[in-house]
N, C-alpha and C. Protein backbone atom coordinates (compact mmCIF):
# COMPACT_ATOMS: atom_id res chain seq x y z
N LEU A 1 -17.71 0.00 -130.58
CA LEU A 1 -16.52 -0.34 -129.83
C LEU A 1 -15.77 -1.44 -130.57
N ASP A 2 -14.55 -1.19 -130.94
CA ASP A 2 -13.74 -2.15 -131.67
C ASP A 2 -12.72 -2.75 -130.71
N LEU A 3 -13.02 -3.94 -130.22
CA LEU A 3 -12.14 -4.57 -129.24
C LEU A 3 -10.80 -4.99 -129.83
N GLU A 4 -10.72 -5.12 -131.14
CA GLU A 4 -9.45 -5.50 -131.75
C GLU A 4 -8.44 -4.35 -131.73
N THR A 5 -8.91 -3.12 -131.67
CA THR A 5 -8.00 -1.98 -131.65
C THR A 5 -7.87 -1.36 -130.26
N THR A 6 -8.59 -1.88 -129.31
CA THR A 6 -8.53 -1.36 -127.95
C THR A 6 -7.20 -1.77 -127.33
N THR A 7 -6.56 -0.83 -126.68
CA THR A 7 -5.27 -1.11 -126.07
C THR A 7 -5.40 -1.20 -124.56
N LEU A 8 -4.38 -1.73 -123.94
CA LEU A 8 -4.33 -1.80 -122.49
C LEU A 8 -4.39 -0.39 -121.90
N ASN A 9 -3.76 0.56 -122.57
CA ASN A 9 -3.79 1.94 -122.11
C ASN A 9 -5.23 2.47 -122.09
N ASP A 10 -6.03 2.11 -123.11
CA ASP A 10 -7.44 2.51 -123.13
C ASP A 10 -8.17 1.96 -121.91
N LEU A 11 -7.93 0.71 -121.61
CA LEU A 11 -8.61 0.06 -120.49
C LEU A 11 -8.18 0.66 -119.16
N MET A 12 -6.91 0.91 -119.00
CA MET A 12 -6.41 1.42 -117.74
C MET A 12 -6.80 2.88 -117.51
N SER A 13 -6.93 3.66 -118.57
CA SER A 13 -7.26 5.07 -118.39
C SER A 13 -8.76 5.28 -118.19
N GLY A 14 -9.58 4.35 -118.68
CA GLY A 14 -11.02 4.51 -118.55
C GLY A 14 -11.53 5.50 -119.57
N ASN A 15 -11.66 6.74 -119.20
CA ASN A 15 -12.06 7.87 -120.04
C ASN A 15 -13.07 7.53 -121.12
N ASP A 16 -12.78 7.95 -122.37
CA ASP A 16 -13.73 7.80 -123.47
C ASP A 16 -14.06 6.35 -123.78
N PHE A 17 -13.09 5.48 -123.59
CA PHE A 17 -13.28 4.06 -123.89
C PHE A 17 -14.47 3.51 -123.12
N LEU A 18 -14.56 3.81 -121.83
CA LEU A 18 -15.64 3.28 -121.01
C LEU A 18 -16.98 3.88 -121.38
N ASP A 19 -16.98 5.10 -121.91
CA ASP A 19 -18.23 5.73 -122.32
C ASP A 19 -18.88 5.02 -123.50
N GLU A 20 -18.07 4.32 -124.30
CA GLU A 20 -18.60 3.63 -125.47
C GLU A 20 -19.36 2.36 -125.11
N VAL A 21 -19.14 1.83 -123.94
CA VAL A 21 -19.81 0.61 -123.52
C VAL A 21 -21.10 1.01 -122.81
N ARG A 22 -22.20 0.84 -123.47
CA ARG A 22 -23.47 1.34 -122.96
C ARG A 22 -24.14 0.39 -121.96
N HIS A 23 -24.22 -0.87 -122.31
CA HIS A 23 -24.97 -1.82 -121.48
C HIS A 23 -24.06 -2.75 -120.70
N GLY A 24 -22.82 -2.78 -121.01
CA GLY A 24 -21.88 -3.63 -120.30
C GLY A 24 -21.83 -5.04 -120.85
N PHE A 25 -20.74 -5.69 -120.55
CA PHE A 25 -20.55 -7.07 -120.97
C PHE A 25 -21.08 -8.00 -119.89
N ASP A 26 -21.62 -9.14 -120.30
CA ASP A 26 -22.13 -10.13 -119.35
C ASP A 26 -21.05 -11.08 -118.86
N LEU A 27 -19.97 -11.17 -119.60
CA LEU A 27 -18.88 -12.07 -119.24
C LEU A 27 -17.55 -11.44 -119.65
N ILE A 28 -16.62 -11.38 -118.71
CA ILE A 28 -15.26 -10.94 -119.00
C ILE A 28 -14.34 -12.05 -118.53
N VAL A 29 -13.48 -12.51 -119.43
CA VAL A 29 -12.53 -13.58 -119.12
C VAL A 29 -11.11 -13.03 -119.30
N ALA A 30 -10.30 -13.21 -118.28
CA ALA A 30 -8.91 -12.75 -118.33
C ALA A 30 -8.01 -13.88 -117.88
N ALA A 31 -7.75 -14.80 -118.78
CA ALA A 31 -6.89 -15.94 -118.46
C ALA A 31 -5.43 -15.55 -118.72
N ASP A 32 -4.59 -15.77 -117.74
CA ASP A 32 -3.16 -15.48 -117.83
C ASP A 32 -2.90 -14.00 -118.14
N VAL A 33 -3.67 -13.13 -117.50
CA VAL A 33 -3.52 -11.68 -117.68
C VAL A 33 -3.07 -11.01 -116.39
N LEU A 34 -3.70 -11.32 -115.27
CA LEU A 34 -3.42 -10.63 -114.02
C LEU A 34 -2.00 -10.87 -113.51
N VAL A 35 -1.34 -11.88 -114.03
CA VAL A 35 0.04 -12.16 -113.62
C VAL A 35 1.00 -11.08 -114.09
N TYR A 36 0.55 -10.21 -114.97
CA TYR A 36 1.40 -9.13 -115.46
C TYR A 36 1.13 -7.80 -114.77
N PHE A 37 0.31 -7.84 -113.72
CA PHE A 37 -0.01 -6.66 -112.92
C PHE A 37 0.29 -6.96 -111.47
N GLY A 38 0.92 -6.02 -110.79
CA GLY A 38 1.09 -6.14 -109.35
C GLY A 38 -0.20 -5.72 -108.68
N ASP A 39 -0.43 -4.42 -108.61
CA ASP A 39 -1.66 -3.89 -108.03
C ASP A 39 -2.77 -4.01 -109.07
N ILE A 40 -3.76 -4.85 -108.80
CA ILE A 40 -4.83 -5.11 -109.77
C ILE A 40 -6.09 -4.30 -109.50
N GLN A 41 -6.06 -3.44 -108.50
CA GLN A 41 -7.28 -2.71 -108.12
C GLN A 41 -7.82 -1.85 -109.26
N LYS A 42 -6.99 -1.04 -109.89
CA LYS A 42 -7.46 -0.17 -110.96
C LYS A 42 -7.97 -0.98 -112.15
N LEU A 43 -7.28 -2.05 -112.47
CA LEU A 43 -7.72 -2.91 -113.57
C LEU A 43 -9.10 -3.49 -113.28
N LEU A 44 -9.30 -4.05 -112.09
CA LEU A 44 -10.60 -4.64 -111.75
C LEU A 44 -11.69 -3.58 -111.68
N THR A 45 -11.36 -2.39 -111.21
CA THR A 45 -12.34 -1.31 -111.16
C THR A 45 -12.80 -0.92 -112.56
N ASN A 46 -11.86 -0.83 -113.50
CA ASN A 46 -12.23 -0.50 -114.87
C ASN A 46 -12.98 -1.65 -115.55
N LEU A 47 -12.63 -2.88 -115.24
CA LEU A 47 -13.39 -4.02 -115.77
C LEU A 47 -14.81 -4.00 -115.23
N SER A 48 -14.97 -3.61 -113.99
CA SER A 48 -16.30 -3.50 -113.40
C SER A 48 -17.16 -2.47 -114.13
N LYS A 49 -16.54 -1.39 -114.56
CA LYS A 49 -17.26 -0.36 -115.32
C LYS A 49 -17.70 -0.88 -116.68
N LEU A 50 -17.01 -1.89 -117.19
CA LEU A 50 -17.38 -2.50 -118.46
C LEU A 50 -18.42 -3.59 -118.31
N SER A 51 -18.71 -3.98 -117.10
CA SER A 51 -19.58 -5.12 -116.82
C SER A 51 -21.04 -4.71 -116.66
N SER A 52 -21.93 -5.60 -117.08
CA SER A 52 -23.35 -5.41 -116.78
C SER A 52 -23.56 -5.68 -115.29
N ASP A 53 -24.74 -5.39 -114.80
CA ASP A 53 -25.03 -5.59 -113.38
C ASP A 53 -24.97 -7.05 -112.95
N THR A 54 -25.16 -7.96 -113.88
CA THR A 54 -25.17 -9.39 -113.56
C THR A 54 -23.99 -10.12 -114.18
N ALA A 55 -22.95 -9.40 -114.52
CA ALA A 55 -21.80 -9.97 -115.23
C ALA A 55 -20.99 -10.92 -114.35
N PHE A 56 -20.31 -11.81 -115.03
CA PHE A 56 -19.33 -12.69 -114.40
C PHE A 56 -17.94 -12.25 -114.85
N LEU A 57 -17.02 -12.21 -113.92
CA LEU A 57 -15.62 -11.97 -114.22
C LEU A 57 -14.88 -13.25 -113.86
N ILE A 58 -14.23 -13.84 -114.84
CA ILE A 58 -13.48 -15.08 -114.64
C ILE A 58 -12.03 -14.79 -114.99
N PHE A 59 -11.14 -15.10 -114.06
CA PHE A 59 -9.73 -14.83 -114.32
C PHE A 59 -8.86 -15.83 -113.59
N SER A 60 -7.63 -15.88 -114.03
CA SER A 60 -6.64 -16.72 -113.36
C SER A 60 -5.54 -15.82 -112.85
N CYS A 61 -4.89 -16.28 -111.82
CA CYS A 61 -3.71 -15.57 -111.31
C CYS A 61 -2.85 -16.58 -110.56
N GLU A 62 -1.61 -16.20 -110.36
CA GLU A 62 -0.72 -17.06 -109.59
C GLU A 62 -0.85 -16.67 -108.13
N ARG A 63 -0.96 -17.67 -107.29
CA ARG A 63 -1.22 -17.43 -105.87
C ARG A 63 0.06 -17.46 -105.06
N ILE A 64 0.13 -16.52 -104.15
CA ILE A 64 1.16 -16.55 -103.13
C ILE A 64 0.44 -16.84 -101.81
N GLU A 65 0.96 -17.74 -101.05
CA GLU A 65 0.33 -18.09 -99.79
C GLU A 65 0.33 -16.88 -98.85
N GLU A 66 -0.72 -16.77 -98.06
CA GLU A 66 -0.90 -15.62 -97.18
C GLU A 66 0.33 -15.35 -96.31
N GLU A 67 0.92 -16.41 -95.77
CA GLU A 67 2.05 -16.22 -94.87
C GLU A 67 3.31 -15.75 -95.59
N ASN A 68 3.35 -15.89 -96.91
CA ASN A 68 4.51 -15.45 -97.70
C ASN A 68 4.26 -14.14 -98.43
N ALA A 69 3.05 -13.63 -98.33
CA ALA A 69 2.68 -12.41 -99.06
C ALA A 69 3.13 -11.16 -98.31
N PRO A 70 3.66 -10.18 -99.03
CA PRO A 70 3.96 -8.91 -98.38
C PRO A 70 2.66 -8.17 -98.05
N ALA A 71 2.76 -7.07 -97.36
CA ALA A 71 1.57 -6.31 -96.95
C ALA A 71 0.72 -5.87 -98.13
N SER A 72 1.34 -5.67 -99.28
CA SER A 72 0.60 -5.24 -100.47
C SER A 72 -0.35 -6.32 -100.97
N GLY A 73 -0.05 -7.60 -100.68
CA GLY A 73 -0.86 -8.70 -101.16
C GLY A 73 -0.38 -9.28 -102.48
N TRP A 74 0.66 -8.72 -103.06
CA TRP A 74 1.20 -9.23 -104.32
C TRP A 74 2.71 -9.11 -104.31
N LYS A 75 3.33 -9.95 -105.14
CA LYS A 75 4.79 -10.01 -105.15
C LYS A 75 5.27 -10.39 -106.55
N LEU A 76 6.29 -9.67 -107.01
CA LEU A 76 6.92 -10.01 -108.28
C LEU A 76 7.81 -11.23 -108.06
N GLN A 77 7.57 -12.24 -108.86
CA GLN A 77 8.33 -13.48 -108.73
C GLN A 77 9.57 -13.44 -109.62
N ILE A 78 10.46 -14.35 -109.43
CA ILE A 78 11.68 -14.44 -110.23
C ILE A 78 11.37 -14.66 -111.71
N SER A 79 10.20 -15.22 -112.00
CA SER A 79 9.78 -15.47 -113.38
C SER A 79 9.37 -14.19 -114.10
N GLY A 80 9.23 -13.08 -113.35
CA GLY A 80 8.77 -11.83 -113.95
C GLY A 80 7.27 -11.70 -113.94
N ARG A 81 6.59 -12.64 -113.32
CA ARG A 81 5.13 -12.62 -113.20
C ARG A 81 4.78 -12.32 -111.74
N TYR A 82 3.62 -11.72 -111.55
CA TYR A 82 3.18 -11.40 -110.20
C TYR A 82 2.33 -12.52 -109.63
N ALA A 83 2.49 -12.75 -108.36
CA ALA A 83 1.63 -13.66 -107.61
C ALA A 83 0.84 -12.82 -106.62
N HIS A 84 -0.41 -13.21 -106.36
CA HIS A 84 -1.31 -12.46 -105.49
C HIS A 84 -1.86 -13.38 -104.41
N SER A 85 -2.04 -12.83 -103.24
CA SER A 85 -2.68 -13.62 -102.18
C SER A 85 -4.18 -13.68 -102.44
N LYS A 86 -4.80 -14.75 -102.02
CA LYS A 86 -6.23 -14.92 -102.23
C LYS A 86 -7.00 -13.79 -101.56
N SER A 87 -6.62 -13.42 -100.34
CA SER A 87 -7.35 -12.36 -99.64
C SER A 87 -7.24 -11.02 -100.37
N TYR A 88 -6.08 -10.74 -100.95
CA TYR A 88 -5.91 -9.49 -101.71
C TYR A 88 -6.82 -9.48 -102.95
N VAL A 89 -6.84 -10.59 -103.68
CA VAL A 89 -7.64 -10.67 -104.90
C VAL A 89 -9.13 -10.55 -104.57
N VAL A 90 -9.58 -11.25 -103.56
CA VAL A 90 -11.00 -11.19 -103.17
C VAL A 90 -11.37 -9.78 -102.75
N GLU A 91 -10.52 -9.13 -101.96
CA GLU A 91 -10.79 -7.77 -101.50
C GLU A 91 -10.77 -6.77 -102.66
N ALA A 92 -9.82 -6.90 -103.58
CA ALA A 92 -9.75 -6.01 -104.73
C ALA A 92 -11.00 -6.14 -105.61
N ALA A 93 -11.45 -7.37 -105.83
CA ALA A 93 -12.66 -7.59 -106.62
C ALA A 93 -13.88 -7.02 -105.91
N LYS A 94 -13.95 -7.21 -104.61
CA LYS A 94 -15.07 -6.66 -103.82
C LYS A 94 -15.08 -5.14 -103.91
N ASN A 95 -13.91 -4.52 -103.76
CA ASN A 95 -13.80 -3.05 -103.85
C ASN A 95 -14.18 -2.54 -105.22
N ALA A 96 -14.00 -3.37 -106.24
CA ALA A 96 -14.36 -2.99 -107.61
C ALA A 96 -15.85 -3.17 -107.89
N GLY A 97 -16.55 -3.82 -106.95
CA GLY A 97 -17.99 -3.99 -107.13
C GLY A 97 -18.44 -5.39 -107.49
N TYR A 98 -17.52 -6.32 -107.51
CA TYR A 98 -17.87 -7.70 -107.81
C TYR A 98 -18.17 -8.46 -106.51
N ALA A 99 -19.09 -9.40 -106.60
CA ALA A 99 -19.36 -10.29 -105.47
C ALA A 99 -18.54 -11.54 -105.65
N HIS A 100 -17.95 -12.03 -104.59
CA HIS A 100 -17.11 -13.23 -104.66
C HIS A 100 -18.02 -14.44 -104.79
N SER A 101 -17.74 -15.25 -105.78
CA SER A 101 -18.54 -16.44 -105.99
C SER A 101 -17.74 -17.68 -105.61
N LYS A 102 -16.68 -17.96 -106.36
CA LYS A 102 -15.86 -19.13 -106.08
C LYS A 102 -14.42 -18.82 -106.41
N SER A 103 -13.56 -19.48 -105.69
CA SER A 103 -12.14 -19.41 -106.02
C SER A 103 -11.53 -20.77 -105.75
N TYR A 104 -10.51 -21.06 -106.48
CA TYR A 104 -9.86 -22.37 -106.35
C TYR A 104 -8.40 -22.19 -106.08
């Protein structure tokens, strides 16, 4: 698996790319990445497929307060970046198979 040539399209489609990862990664870090996605469910689900059973997923995102969040849980901001409600992010990660550890 050559991570330098892997594209976002490879990650989002899953398919053959995910088959190459046999044992999974123990740590996935996505700093300043989720702000470019509205609906993060598919992304987190595919990251989960890349993870070992005991993996940690560490990421950052811009938060929108629950009372200001639309029903989707995410909103495109004027900056062109997406903000996500904490409850949406926790639920999406849980649905992807991750256990919630800490959030700030």
